[in-house]
Structures are given as structure tokens and as C-alpha cells.
Amino acid sequence: MSGAAHPEATPAPVPDRTILAVVAAYAAAFVVFGLAVDGPGAVAQGLVAILTTRDALLTDYMGIGGIGGACVNAGLLTLCACFVYHKAGARMTGAAVACLFLVLGFALFGKNLLNVWAIVAGVWLYARFRGEAFATHLNTAFFGVALAPIFSEILFSTSLAPAVGVPLAIATGLAIGFVLPPAAAQLFKAHEGFSLYNMGFTAGLVGTLVVALYKSYGFVPDPVFVWTTGNDLLLGAFLAVLFASMVAVGFRFDRGARAGLKTILAAPGQSPTDFIALAGFGATLVNMGLAGAVAMAYILVVGGDLNGPVIGAIFTIVGFAAFGKHPRNIVPIMAGVFLGSLAKPWNAHDPSMQLAALFGTTLAPIAGRFGWHWGLVAGFVHSSAARSVGTVHAGLNLYNNGFAAGIVAAVLVPVIVAIRKRTRPHDDPG
């Protein structure tokens, strides 16, 4: 199936600074919303609480610092990331948009204004060591802050004196950032782009090694679970406005975005698939708004909760709707996870299953490339895998589902190809 648009149908490219400004505007909307909900005083107190908490999976910042504190943390951190992209002169590709929206989403439950920078600096050191521009590694740097809870875990550990904890947290963050770029490039081969969260797979393995190392010295992280409920109306209205605006702004940029959207929906989504390059920024924004609406609708239909982790997962879908996801290839994965919740001893509205259904859409290329029925299978298998791998990294990899999905894709895709080759001898996953 070809996802290529006809040259005459491709809209004029949107400048990188304009795309970055749009992303920054959505980050600013979180800041404004947070201040409107809780007020400056409560937000300031909430930010202090967020910055000084242990934030392994699963720590809903809305339960730590309130809705206002969590949203302002998310917005400010993303604005800081946008500034770094601007200063570095980075290209605003679909991957860059996905990365920044991932920062926005995960800053509601694990990434904060304090714990991400050591890892980012480690990637910068790697770029200097290689003699390469930092701009070429920016996505790796900000995707790689999946392991930011390790920094907080060490820094605020009650078993370590500050004189030990501070330098150890910084050194660990720098080391993690330094090893992530070469590790991510190598591990991509394992799943061949059929899991969009390559950094989740990489961070899971790196995090497992780091946790194993510290456990061998007796440093064992305690489990964390903070999950808020009861804010669906307020948060749902906020998200609905954001998603509707994405569709409206998308058509503002490109009145022919409907044709571009058809091109996107026809694409399998196997990484790397840059929808901005493929169909234009306008159509990509429309796809982002629609994908976000589909994700939120799923949560509301199954009786789930809108909170920090769930909104983070929804915004991961929104971000990757610029780089591989669209309603056609994510729905089979979510349906597969839902079927898994019916056939196994847990419910679709359980926190882990809500997140598995949303984050599991990293496997969307399997549905896009091999068909909806294989998407169902991938989602069904992922619903079990996502519940089992968290113990090995002690919840210190925020992309737990990405880690699980990388394993699922690495095992399932070769099996699918082998089965299909009986009837399609020339089938190729590439």
C-alpha cells in the first residue's frame, strides 16, 4: 500500500519556526489552563511538591501538585524544550512534533522541570564526543528522558545523604544520556519500526541494567501508585477544545487538508513515517486532533479516568499522529487490548488496562501493514505483556508500554511474516 501523495497535491511546506510556534502555543495553553484552575499560589506550591517527589510509575502529578501544578509543569517544561529546539536550529519534522508532545504528556506524570536535564546533557555530551550537531540528537535527548525518574529516585532517596545523592543522580543521568543514542540506533533493528516507541524499548533495557546495578548495592526503589479520579468533565472539556482547535487550525493552514488526511489514513505508519513530509502540516494537525478525540472517546466509553497518566497517554497518541499513528491503525490495537480485558482477569477500566490500550497503539504499524486482524492480535498480546515487564526496571522507565511493545513487535512480526509467506511468497516487513 503506498502512502505517497501526488506532487501537485502536496501543500507548500510550513516553516519550522511556525510549526514550533504551534507546538509552543499548545504548551502555553496548559500553563493558562493550570493557572485558571488553581491560581498562582496553589500552582507554585504544587510545582514545589512535584519537583521534590519520587516519581516512578505510577505517579499522577495531579495527585501530587493538583491539576494546576501538573498542567503548569507540563506546559513550562514543553516551552523549555521548544526553546532548546529553537536555539539548536532543529528541523521540525513529524518525529520532532511527536517528541515535544510526548514531553507535554509525560510531564503530567513523571517528567518535570528538574529531573530531565541531566539526561539531556548526557546526550549533548555524546554529540560533542562524536563531533556531531546536537540538533541531530535532540529527539533522542527528549525521548530519552523516559528515564528521568531515576534522577529523582536517587536525588530524593532517604537512604542516601545529599552529599552522595546529588552527584550520584547527576552522574547517572549523564551516563544514561550518553549511552542512549547508540543503543537506540542498534535496538531499532529488533522491531524494524513496527513499534513506534523505539526509545521505550531502549529505555526499558537501559533502565533494567541501571536498576540491576543499584539493586546489587542494596538500593531498591519502593513502588509508587498515585492515581486521581473525578475530574473527567473539567479535563474532558479542556481536551475537547484542544482537539477541535487542532482540526480547525489544520484546515486553516491547508484548505485541502481533507485530501492530505486520506493520504495519511492510507499509510501503514511503520517508522519512520513523517506525516508532515508526506501530507503537509495542515493535514497532520487534523489527524492529530482526530486521533486525540478517538483516544479520549475510548477512555470515556470504557468508564476510565481522565488524569495525568491517561492524558499523558492521549497526548502520546496525538504527538505520534504526526509520525505514524492515525485513527485507522490505532483502533484495532485498542480493540485488541479491550478484548484482552474481557478474556483475562481484569477490566478495561483498570488503570493498567487504560494505559495499555492507549500506549499500546505504538504497535499501530502492525495493523497498518498487515491488517486490522493482526492489530487485534498485537493488542491482545500487549495487554498481558504490559502488565509483566514493569518489575524489571522498577517503574523507573516511564515508557513501560513502549518496552513491552518492543518485545511484542520483535517476536510477533517475524511470526506474521512467516505465516503470510505461505500465501504471499514475496512479503517483506520492510
Foldseek 3Di string as FASTA:
>chain_A
DDLFDDPVQADDADDQVVVLVVLLVVLVLLQVLLCVVPNDVLLVVLLVQVVQDLFFPFAQSCQRRNSSNLSNFLSVVLNVLSVVLVVLVAGPFLLNLLLSLLSSQCSRGHDGPPQLVLLLVLLVVLCVVVVHRSSVCSSQSSLLCLLSSQLSCQCNPPVDDNVPSNVVSSVVSNVSNNPRPVQLVVLCVLQVQLQVSSSLQSNLVVLLVVQVVVVVVVRHDDADDDDDADCCVVVVVSLLVVLVVLLVVLCVVPVSLVVLLVSLLLALQRPADASCVRHNSSVLSNQLSQQLVVLSVVCVVQVAGDGSNLSSLSSSSSSCSRGRDGPQQLVLLLLLLQVLCVVDPHGCRPPQNSSLSRLVSSSSSCCSPVHSVVSSVLNNVLNVQLVPSCVSSVSSRNSSSSSSSSVSSSPPVVVSQVVCCVVVVPDDPD
